[in-house]
C-alpha atoms as a PDB file:
ATOM      1  CA  MET A   1      79.370 152.833  87.048  1.00  0.00           C
ATOM      2  CA  LYS A   2      78.563 154.318  90.461  1.00  0.00           C
ATOM      3  CA  ILE A   3      81.282 153.373  92.915  1.00  0.00           C
ATOM      4  CA  SER A   4      80.528 152.475  96.528  1.00  0.00           C
ATOM      5  CA  ASP A   5      80.058 155.283  99.041  1.00  0.00           C
ATOM      6  CA  ARG A   6      82.927 153.890 101.095  1.00  0.00           C
ATOM      7  CA  LEU A   7      85.312 154.193  98.138  1.00  0.00           C
ATOM      8  CA  ALA A   8      83.903 157.616  97.191  1.00  0.00           C
ATOM      9  CA  TYR A   9      84.615 159.011 100.667  1.00  0.00           C
ATOM     10  CA  GLY A  10      88.071 157.475 100.474  1.00  0.00           C
ATOM     11  CA  ILE A  11      88.784 159.318  97.220  1.00  0.00           C
ATOM     12  CA  LEU A  12      87.681 162.620  98.767  1.00  0.00           C
ATOM     13  CA  LYS A  13      89.955 162.093 101.764  1.00  0.00           C
ATOM     14  CA  ARG A  14      92.878 161.241  99.487  1.00  0.00           C
ATOM     15  CA  TYR A  15      92.600 164.702  97.949  1.00  0.00           C
ATOM     16  CA  GLY A  16      92.261 166.451 101.310  1.00  0.00           C
ATOM     17  CA  ILE A  17      88.532 167.161 100.976  1.00  0.00           C
ATOM     18  CA  GLU A  18      86.933 167.374 104.411  1.00  0.00           C
ATOM     19  CA  THR A  19      84.079 164.980 105.157  1.00  0.00           C
ATOM     20  CA  ALA A  20      81.765 164.478 108.098  1.00  0.00           C
ATOM     21  CA  ARG A  21      83.270 161.886 110.461  1.00  0.00           C
ATOM     22  CA  TYR A  22      82.020 158.443 109.539  1.00  0.00           C
ATOM     23  CA  ALA A  23      82.504 154.700 109.828  1.00  0.00           C
ATOM     24  CA  PHE A  24      81.693 151.950 107.334  1.00  0.00           C
ATOM     25  CA  VAL A  25      80.040 148.938 108.968  1.00  0.00           C
ATOM     26  CA  LYS A  26      78.809 145.554 107.801  1.00  0.00           C
ATOM     27  CA  ASP A  27      76.482 144.440 110.587  1.00  0.00           C
ATOM     28  CA  ARG A  28      74.655 145.589 113.707  1.00  0.00           C
ATOM     29  CA  THR A  29      77.386 144.504 116.131  1.00  0.00           C
ATOM     30  CA  HIS A  30      80.012 146.349 114.098  1.00  0.00           C
ATOM     31  CA  ALA A  31      77.758 149.436 114.034  1.00  0.00           C
ATOM     32  CA  GLU A  32      77.363 149.457 117.814  1.00  0.00           C
ATOM     33  CA  ARG A  33      81.113 149.099 118.284  1.00  0.00           C
ATOM     34  CA  ALA A  34      81.964 151.809 115.717  1.00  0.00           C
ATOM     35  CA  SER A  35      79.424 154.252 117.180  1.00  0.00           C
ATOM     36  CA  LYS A  36      81.475 154.510 120.385  1.00  0.00           C
ATOM     37  CA  LYS A  37      84.125 156.427 118.433  1.00  0.00           C
ATOM     38  CA  LEU A  38      81.562 158.847 116.951  1.00  0.00           C
ATOM     39  CA  SER A  39      79.184 161.442 118.385  1.00  0.00           C
ATOM     40  CA  PHE A  40      75.391 161.118 118.281  1.00  0.00           C
ATOM     41  CA  PRO A  41      73.123 161.878 116.521  1.00  0.00           C
ATOM     42  CA  LEU A  42      74.335 159.600 113.735  1.00  0.00           C
ATOM     43  CA  VAL A  43      72.978 159.420 110.206  1.00  0.00           C
ATOM     44  CA  LEU A  44      72.777 155.877 108.816  1.00  0.00           C
ATOM     45  CA  LYS A  45      72.980 155.542 105.024  1.00  0.00           C
ATOM     46  CA  ILE A  46      72.870 152.357 103.008  1.00  0.00           C
ATOM     47  CA  ASP A  47      75.830 151.770 100.693  1.00  0.00           C
ATOM     48  CA  SER A  48      74.525 150.213  97.476  1.00  0.00           C
ATOM     49  CA  PRO A  49      75.319 151.089  93.844  1.00  0.00           C
ATOM     50  CA  GLU A  50      71.709 150.344  92.896  1.00  0.00           C
ATOM     51  CA  ILE A  51      69.991 152.700  95.353  1.00  0.00           C
ATOM     52  CA  ILE A  52      70.371 156.310  94.239  1.00  0.00           C
ATOM     53  CA  HIS A  53      67.509 158.110  96.009  1.00  0.00           C
ATOM     54  CA  LYS A  54      68.161 156.782  99.486  1.00  0.00           C
ATOM     55  CA  SER A  55      65.937 159.116 101.482  1.00  0.00           C
ATOM     56  CA  ASP A  56      62.879 158.363  99.329  1.00  0.00           C
ATOM     57  CA  SER A  57      63.278 154.626  99.884  1.00  0.00           C
ATOM     58  CA  GLY A  58      63.834 154.720 103.646  1.00  0.00           C
ATOM     59  CA  CYS A  59      67.542 153.993 103.249  1.00  0.00           C
ATOM     60  CA  VAL A  60      68.585 156.967 105.358  1.00  0.00           C
ATOM     61  CA  GLN A  61      67.805 156.942 109.080  1.00  0.00           C
ATOM     62  CA  VAL A  62      68.897 158.969 112.102  1.00  0.00           C
ATOM     63  CA  ALA A  63      69.899 157.386 115.420  1.00  0.00           C
ATOM     64  CA  PHE A  64      69.797 159.862 118.292  1.00  0.00           C
ATOM     65  CA  SER A  65      71.403 157.568 120.851  1.00  0.00           C
ATOM     66  CA  GLU A  66      72.906 154.123 121.354  1.00  0.00           C
ATOM     67  CA  ASN A  67      69.480 152.910 122.425  1.00  0.00           C
ATOM     68  CA  ASP A  68      67.898 153.253 118.990  1.00  0.00           C
ATOM     69  CA  LEU A  69      70.975 152.540 116.838  1.00  0.00           C
ATOM     70  CA  GLY A  70      70.250 148.818 116.568  1.00  0.00           C
ATOM     71  CA  GLU A  71      66.637 149.316 115.490  1.00  0.00           C
ATOM     72  CA  LYS A  72      67.558 151.975 112.930  1.00  0.00           C
ATOM     73  CA  PHE A  73      70.264 149.703 111.520  1.00  0.00           C
ATOM     74  CA  LYS A  74      67.775 146.841 111.204  1.00  0.00           C
ATOM     75  CA  LEU A  75      65.224 149.133 109.524  1.00  0.00           C
ATOM     76  CA  ILE A  76      67.608 150.588 106.960  1.00  0.00           C
ATOM     77  CA  VAL A  77      68.840 147.148 105.867  1.00  0.00           C
ATOM     78  CA  LYS A  78      65.263 145.824 105.669  1.00  0.00           C
ATOM     79  CA  ASN A  79      64.241 148.749 103.423  1.00  0.00           C
ATOM     80  CA  ALA A  80      67.287 148.259 101.200  1.00  0.00           C
ATOM     81  CA  GLU A  81      66.675 144.523 100.807  1.00  0.00           C
ATOM     82  CA  LYS A  82      63.246 145.290  99.322  1.00  0.00           C
ATOM     83  CA  LEU A  83      65.049 146.977  96.424  1.00  0.00           C
ATOM     84  CA  THR A  84      68.268 145.046  95.823  1.00  0.00           C
ATOM     85  CA  LYS A  85      70.511 142.224  96.968  1.00  0.00           C
ATOM     86  CA  LYS A  86      73.607 144.280  96.183  1.00  0.00           C
ATOM     87  CA  ILE A  87      74.332 145.932  99.527  1.00  0.00           C
ATOM     88  CA  TYR A  88      77.913 146.731 100.516  1.00  0.00           C
ATOM     89  CA  GLY A  89      77.150 147.881 104.045  1.00  0.00           C
ATOM     90  CA  VAL A  90      76.068 150.970 105.970  1.00  0.00           C
ATOM     91  CA  ILE A  91      77.734 154.341 106.517  1.00  0.00           C
ATOM     92  CA  LEU A  92      77.435 155.759 110.050  1.00  0.00           C
ATOM     93  CA  GLN A  93      78.022 159.503 109.866  1.00  0.00           C
ATOM     94  CA  GLU A  94      78.036 162.308 112.398  1.00  0.00           C
ATOM     95  CA  ARG A  95      75.403 164.926 111.671  1.00  0.00           C
ATOM     96  CA  ILE A  96      76.749 168.386 110.829  1.00  0.00           C
ATOM     97  CA  ASP A  97      74.845 171.665 110.982  1.00  0.00           C
ATOM     98  CA  GLY A  98      75.478 174.558 108.603  1.00  0.00           C
ATOM     99  CA  LYS A  99      74.523 176.066 105.258  1.00  0.00           C
ATOM    100  CA  GLU A 100      73.796 173.525 102.511  1.00  0.00           C
ATOM    101  CA  MET A 101      75.845 173.993  99.332  1.00  0.00           C
ATOM    102  CA  MET A 102      76.705 171.661  96.461  1.00  0.00           C
ATOM    103  CA  ILE A 103      79.611 170.924  94.129  1.00  0.00           C
ATOM    104  CA  GLY A 104      79.132 168.853  91.013  1.00  0.00           C
ATOM    105  CA  SER A 105      80.959 167.902  87.853  1.00  0.00           C
ATOM    106  CA  LYS A 106      80.364 166.086  84.593  1.00  0.00           C
ATOM    107  CA  VAL A 107      82.043 165.589  81.242  1.00  0.00           C
ATOM    108  CA  ASP A 108      80.447 167.862  78.645  1.00  0.00           C
ATOM    109  CA  GLU A 109      80.521 166.505  75.074  1.00  0.00           C
ATOM    110  CA  GLN A 110      81.731 169.832  73.693  1.00  0.00           C
ATOM    111  CA  PHE A 111      83.859 171.356  76.470  1.00  0.00           C
ATOM    112  CA  GLY A 112      85.117 168.345  78.431  1.00  0.00           C
ATOM    113  CA  PRO A 113      85.139 168.250  82.256  1.00  0.00           C
ATOM    114  CA  VAL A 114      83.154 171.067  83.907  1.00  0.00           C
ATOM    115  CA  ILE A 115      82.510 171.861  87.562  1.00  0.00           C
ATOM    116  CA  CYS A 116      79.526 173.604  89.145  1.00  0.00           C
ATOM    117  CA  PHE A 117      78.699 175.209  92.486  1.00  0.00           C
ATOM    118  CA  GLY A 118      75.536 176.515  94.111  1.00  0.00           C
ATOM    119  CA  LEU A 119      73.034 176.180  96.914  1.00  0.00           C
ATOM    120  CA  GLY A 120      72.592 172.561  97.977  1.00  0.00           C
ATOM    121  CA  GLY A 121      69.917 170.321  99.424  1.00  0.00           C
ATOM    122  CA  ILE A 122      66.422 170.865  98.059  1.00  0.00           C
ATOM    123  CA  PHE A 123      67.461 174.210  96.553  1.00  0.00           C
ATOM    124  CA  VAL A 124      69.373 172.519  93.717  1.00  0.00           C
ATOM    125  CA  GLU A 125      66.182 171.246  92.119  1.00  0.00           C
ATOM    126  CA  ALA A 126      64.011 174.174  93.183  1.00  0.00           C
ATOM    127  CA  LEU A 127      66.194 177.082  92.036  1.00  0.00           C
ATOM    128  CA  HIS A 128      68.663 175.666  89.475  1.00  0.00           C
ATOM    129  CA  ASP A 129      70.950 178.489  90.569  1.00  0.00           C
ATOM    130  CA  VAL A 130      74.454 177.171  89.900  1.00  0.00           C
ATOM    131  CA  SER A 131      77.584 178.553  88.269  1.00  0.00           C
ATOM    132  CA  PHE A 132      79.849 176.571  85.927  1.00  0.00           C
ATOM    133  CA  ARG A 133      83.541 176.652  85.011  1.00  0.00           C
ATOM    134  CA  LEU A 134      85.876 174.487  82.963  1.00  0.00           C
ATOM    135  CA  ILE A 135      88.356 172.195  84.684  1.00  0.00           C
ATOM    136  CA  PRO A 136      91.157 172.775  85.663  1.00  0.00           C
ATOM    137  CA  LEU A 137      90.225 175.595  88.026  1.00  0.00           C
ATOM    138  CA  GLU A 138      92.466 178.431  89.111  1.00  0.00           C
ATOM    139  CA  LYS A 139      91.869 180.118  92.457  1.00  0.00           C
ATOM    140  CA  ARG A 140      90.318 183.192  90.825  1.00  0.00           C
ATOM    141  CA  ASP A 141      87.937 180.926  88.875  1.00  0.00           C
ATOM    142  CA  ALA A 142      86.744 179.348  92.119  1.00  0.00           C
ATOM    143  CA  VAL A 143      86.181 182.769  93.718  1.00  0.00           C
ATOM    144  CA  TYR A 144      84.151 183.988  90.729  1.00  0.00           C
ATOM    145  CA  MET A 145      82.132 180.759  90.718  1.00  0.00           C
ATOM    146  CA  ILE A 146      80.958 181.507  94.242  1.00  0.00           C
ATOM    147  CA  LYS A 147      80.250 185.172  93.488  1.00  0.00           C
ATOM    148  CA  ASP A 148      78.271 184.233  90.370  1.00  0.00           C
ATOM    149  CA  SER A 149      75.906 181.984  92.312  1.00  0.00           C
ATOM    150  CA  GLY A 150      72.934 182.823  94.495  1.00  0.00           C
ATOM    151  CA  ALA A 151      74.815 181.199  97.368  1.00  0.00           C
ATOM    152  CA  TYR A 152      77.174 184.188  97.624  1.00  0.00           C
ATOM    153  CA  ASP A 153      74.794 186.412  99.577  1.00  0.00           C
ATOM    154  CA  VAL A 154      74.127 183.593 102.032  1.00  0.00           C
ATOM    155  CA  LEU A 155      77.842 182.938 102.499  1.00  0.00           C
ATOM    156  CA  ARG A 156      78.901 186.576 102.696  1.00  0.00           C
ATOM    157  CA  SER A 157      76.682 187.087 105.730  1.00  0.00           C
ATOM    158  CA  ARG A 158      78.618 184.323 107.506  1.00  0.00           C
ATOM    159  CA  GLY A 159      82.117 185.741 106.958  1.00  0.00           C
ATOM    160  CA  GLU A 160      85.104 185.257 104.648  1.00  0.00           C
ATOM    161  CA  SER A 161      86.260 182.024 106.309  1.00  0.00           C
ATOM    162  CA  ASN A 162      83.333 180.165 104.784  1.00  0.00           C
ATOM    163  CA  ILE A 163      84.161 181.417 101.298  1.00  0.00           C
ATOM    164  CA  ASN A 164      87.844 180.501 101.680  1.00  0.00           C
ATOM    165  CA  ALA A 165      86.903 176.963 102.766  1.00  0.00           C
ATOM    166  CA  ILE A 166      84.721 176.512  99.684  1.00  0.00           C
ATOM    167  CA  VAL A 167      87.406 177.909  97.356  1.00  0.00           C
ATOM    168  CA  ASP A 168      89.849 175.386  98.797  1.00  0.00           C
ATOM    169  CA  THR A 169      87.330 172.555  98.332  1.00  0.00           C
ATOM    170  CA  LEU A 170      86.552 173.566  94.735  1.00  0.00           C
ATOM    171  CA  LEU A 171      90.253 173.508  93.846  1.00  0.00           C
ATOM    172  CA  LYS A 172      90.687 170.076  95.414  1.00  0.00           C
ATOM    173  CA  VAL A 173      87.654 168.696  93.577  1.00  0.00           C
ATOM    174  CA  SER A 174      89.044 170.101  90.319  1.00  0.00           C
ATOM    175  CA  ARG A 175      92.311 168.219  90.891  1.00  0.00           C
ATOM    176  CA  LEU A 176      90.404 165.050  91.787  1.00  0.00           C
ATOM    177  CA  ILE A 177      88.405 165.175  88.544  1.00  0.00           C
ATOM    178  CA  GLU A 178      91.573 165.703  86.518  1.00  0.00           C
ATOM    179  CA  LYS A 179      93.502 162.832  88.081  1.00  0.00           C
ATOM    180  CA  GLU A 180      90.838 160.161  88.660  1.00  0.00           C
ATOM    181  CA  GLY A 181      88.958 160.071  85.351  1.00  0.00           C
ATOM    182  CA  ILE A 182      85.604 160.800  86.976  1.00  0.00           C
ATOM    183  CA  ARG A 183      82.599 160.992  84.647  1.00  0.00           C
ATOM    184  CA  GLU A 184      80.207 162.499  87.214  1.00  0.00           C
ATOM    185  CA  LEU A 185      80.556 163.723  90.783  1.00  0.00           C
ATOM    186  CA  ASP A 186      78.009 165.205  93.160  1.00  0.00           C
ATOM    187  CA  ILE A 187      78.728 166.481  96.653  1.00  0.00           C
ATOM    188  CA  ASN A 188      75.321 167.445  97.996  1.00  0.00           C
ATOM    189  CA  PRO A 189      75.123 168.698 100.553  1.00  0.00           C
ATOM    190  CA  LEU A 190      78.450 170.349 101.218  1.00  0.00           C
ATOM    191  CA  MET A 191      77.794 171.636 104.741  1.00  0.00           C
ATOM    192  CA  VAL A 192      79.458 174.981 105.440  1.00  0.00           C
ATOM    193  CA  ASN A 193      79.851 176.364 108.961  1.00  0.00           C
ATOM    194  CA  GLU A 194      82.349 178.288 111.081  1.00  0.00           C
ATOM    195  CA  LYS A 195      84.690 175.263 111.128  1.00  0.00           C
ATOM    196  CA  GLY A 196      84.908 174.811 107.355  1.00  0.00           C
ATOM    197  CA  ALA A 197      83.252 172.994 104.447  1.00  0.00           C
ATOM    198  CA  PHE A 198      82.370 169.305 104.824  1.00  0.00           C
ATOM    199  CA  ALA A 199      81.174 166.792 102.242  1.00  0.00           C
ATOM    200  CA  VAL A 200      78.174 165.044 103.783  1.00  0.00           C
ATOM    201  CA  ASP A 201      76.927 163.047 100.811  1.00  0.00           C
ATOM    202  CA  VAL A 202      78.867 162.116  97.678  1.00  0.00           C
ATOM    203  CA  ARG A 203      78.105 160.248  94.469  1.00  0.00           C
ATOM    204  CA  ILE A 204      80.868 159.344  92.019  1.00  0.00           C
ATOM    205  CA  ILE A 205      80.449 157.694  88.612  1.00  0.00           C
ATOM    206  CA  LYS A 206      83.544 156.500  86.792  1.00  0.00           C
END
């Protein structure tokens, strides 16, 4: 069962995994109030267990200012209601720039829990260039995971701080998988910039 985005972000935070700043809102008035504590542009994402490909169904929108937040909120809910009645709410999230990476995990029938890392965003499907390791991870395993992937050359050009942030995130995700009984997890994208590594979108199946 896919858990709600709100709960998924909460699990990440519990294990010290950095996320883009966000607020969970139920209605338009709540969204306008919550937006005052965040910085525009804001990405609006529907929170529903039955909508997996949100962008394809118009369930992700960007509000560039307070002026268009209300209309974007109305639009995203309208698009979601065409697909399902099971809508928990909407995530308002600050947009982060950086290099798109991904971290994923699943339970392999033969080996048990495994974790993967590679380029994120559209590159996951286009290149299939990811490295895998068994859980639990040691620090050296996380370092080799990064070096074994095509993402390493991209990251190396940006400095060691990026690599250290991803190593730290991989180790925290490994602990999360061990402790929480997660069947599948996808963090895509994991945005990496000079400030660190930030989970921007997460999907967790228990």
